[in-house]
Amino acid sequence: MDNFEKLQKIVTDAMKNQLKTESRPSVKYSSIEEYKRVTGKRFRMTREQTERGVSREQAFQEFISKGGK
């Protein structure tokens, strides 16, 4: 096996490992407080949600329904 093939195998294995860790199931948060406790992040409404006048809870439910990312 030459150096190129070794390097190619290392990169391929690393990418496979990365894809495995990224395909974790989505975590569903039951509340804004739980989201903050688990992630350490404050939930923020989008400008569009604010302009529509939705409540913080409704905005959070939209966020969760879109996968929570």
C-alpha atoms as a PDB file:
ATOM      1  CA  MET A   1       0.000   0.000   0.000  1.00  0.00           C
ATOM      2  CA  ASP A   2       1.550   3.303  -1.042  1.00  0.00           C
ATOM      3  CA  ASN A   3       1.340   6.567   0.911  1.00  0.00           C
ATOM      4  CA  PHE A   4      -1.599   7.868  -1.131  1.00  0.00           C
ATOM      5  CA  GLU A   5      -3.666   4.757  -0.400  1.00  0.00           C
ATOM      6  CA  LYS A   6      -2.812   4.963   3.312  1.00  0.00           C
ATOM      7  CA  LEU A   7      -3.846   8.595   3.434  1.00  0.00           C
ATOM      8  CA  GLN A   8      -7.031   7.855   1.507  1.00  0.00           C
ATOM      9  CA  LYS A   9      -7.949   5.100   3.987  1.00  0.00           C
ATOM     10  CA  ILE A  10      -7.311   7.399   6.970  1.00  0.00           C
ATOM     11  CA  VAL A  11      -9.514  10.142   5.501  1.00  0.00           C
ATOM     12  CA  THR A  12     -12.259   7.686   4.537  1.00  0.00           C
ATOM     13  CA  ASP A  13     -12.302   6.145   8.027  1.00  0.00           C
ATOM     14  CA  ALA A  14     -12.379   9.580   9.654  1.00  0.00           C
ATOM     15  CA  MET A  15     -15.309  10.663   7.487  1.00  0.00           C
ATOM     16  CA  LYS A  16     -17.237   7.472   8.290  1.00  0.00           C
ATOM     17  CA  ASN A  17     -16.720   8.101  12.015  1.00  0.00           C
ATOM     18  CA  GLN A  18     -17.863  11.700  11.657  1.00  0.00           C
ATOM     19  CA  LEU A  19     -21.024  10.670   9.831  1.00  0.00           C
ATOM     20  CA  LYS A  20     -21.843   8.114  12.526  1.00  0.00           C
ATOM     21  CA  THR A  21     -21.679  10.742  15.275  1.00  0.00           C
ATOM     22  CA  GLU A  22     -23.745  13.253  13.264  1.00  0.00           C
ATOM     23  CA  SER A  23     -26.580  10.805  12.680  1.00  0.00           C
ATOM     24  CA  ARG A  24     -27.666  10.794  16.305  1.00  0.00           C
ATOM     25  CA  PRO A  25     -31.435  10.868  16.781  1.00  0.00           C
ATOM     26  CA  SER A  26     -32.979  14.289  17.249  1.00  0.00           C
ATOM     27  CA  VAL A  27     -33.503  15.285  20.844  1.00  0.00           C
ATOM     28  CA  LYS A  28     -36.942  16.644  21.561  1.00  0.00           C
ATOM     29  CA  TYR A  29     -37.141  19.245  24.288  1.00  0.00           C
ATOM     30  CA  SER A  30     -40.373  19.549  26.206  1.00  0.00           C
ATOM     31  CA  SER A  31     -39.868  23.195  27.181  1.00  0.00           C
ATOM     32  CA  ILE A  32     -37.691  26.231  26.659  1.00  0.00           C
ATOM     33  CA  GLU A  33     -36.247  25.699  30.125  1.00  0.00           C
ATOM     34  CA  GLU A  34     -35.281  22.103  29.329  1.00  0.00           C
ATOM     35  CA  TYR A  35     -33.670  23.255  26.071  1.00  0.00           C
ATOM     36  CA  LYS A  36     -31.547  25.758  27.990  1.00  0.00           C
ATOM     37  CA  ARG A  37     -30.647  23.254  30.697  1.00  0.00           C
ATOM     38  CA  VAL A  38     -29.575  20.554  28.201  1.00  0.00           C
ATOM     39  CA  THR A  39     -27.843  22.719  25.592  1.00  0.00           C
ATOM     40  CA  GLY A  40     -26.656  25.627  27.703  1.00  0.00           C
ATOM     41  CA  LYS A  41     -28.096  27.936  25.047  1.00  0.00           C
ATOM     42  CA  ARG A  42     -30.875  30.473  25.353  1.00  0.00           C
ATOM     43  CA  PHE A  43     -33.716  29.946  22.884  1.00  0.00           C
ATOM     44  CA  ARG A  44     -34.044  32.920  20.579  1.00  0.00           C
ATOM     45  CA  MET A  45     -36.969  33.757  18.353  1.00  0.00           C
ATOM     46  CA  THR A  46     -36.273  34.658  14.750  1.00  0.00           C
ATOM     47  CA  ARG A  47     -36.953  38.156  13.461  1.00  0.00           C
ATOM     48  CA  GLU A  48     -39.688  36.708  11.243  1.00  0.00           C
ATOM     49  CA  GLN A  49     -41.426  35.107  14.245  1.00  0.00           C
ATOM     50  CA  THR A  50     -41.250  38.377  16.154  1.00  0.00           C
ATOM     51  CA  GLU A  51     -42.735  40.271  13.205  1.00  0.00           C
ATOM     52  CA  ARG A  52     -45.585  37.744  12.991  1.00  0.00           C
ATOM     53  CA  GLY A  53     -46.315  38.327  16.661  1.00  0.00           C
ATOM     54  CA  VAL A  54     -46.130  34.677  17.725  1.00  0.00           C
ATOM     55  CA  SER A  55     -45.592  33.896  21.381  1.00  0.00           C
ATOM     56  CA  ARG A  56     -42.259  32.614  22.636  1.00  0.00           C
ATOM     57  CA  GLU A  57     -43.828  29.188  23.271  1.00  0.00           C
ATOM     58  CA  GLN A  58     -45.289  29.040  19.754  1.00  0.00           C
ATOM     59  CA  ALA A  59     -41.906  30.018  18.286  1.00  0.00           C
ATOM     60  CA  PHE A  60     -40.253  27.271  20.322  1.00  0.00           C
ATOM     61  CA  GLN A  61     -42.759  24.703  19.031  1.00  0.00           C
ATOM     62  CA  GLU A  62     -41.971  25.805  15.464  1.00  0.00           C
ATOM     63  CA  PHE A  63     -38.270  25.410  16.233  1.00  0.00           C
ATOM     64  CA  ILE A  64     -38.811  21.897  17.588  1.00  0.00           C
ATOM     65  CA  SER A  65     -41.045  20.867  14.670  1.00  0.00           C
ATOM     66  CA  LYS A  66     -38.263  21.850  12.247  1.00  0.00           C
ATOM     67  CA  GLY A  67     -35.805  19.558  13.990  1.00  0.00           C
ATOM     68  CA  GLY A  68     -34.577  21.859  16.735  1.00  0.00           C
ATOM     69  CA  LYS A  69     -31.449  23.054  14.968  1.00  0.00           C
END
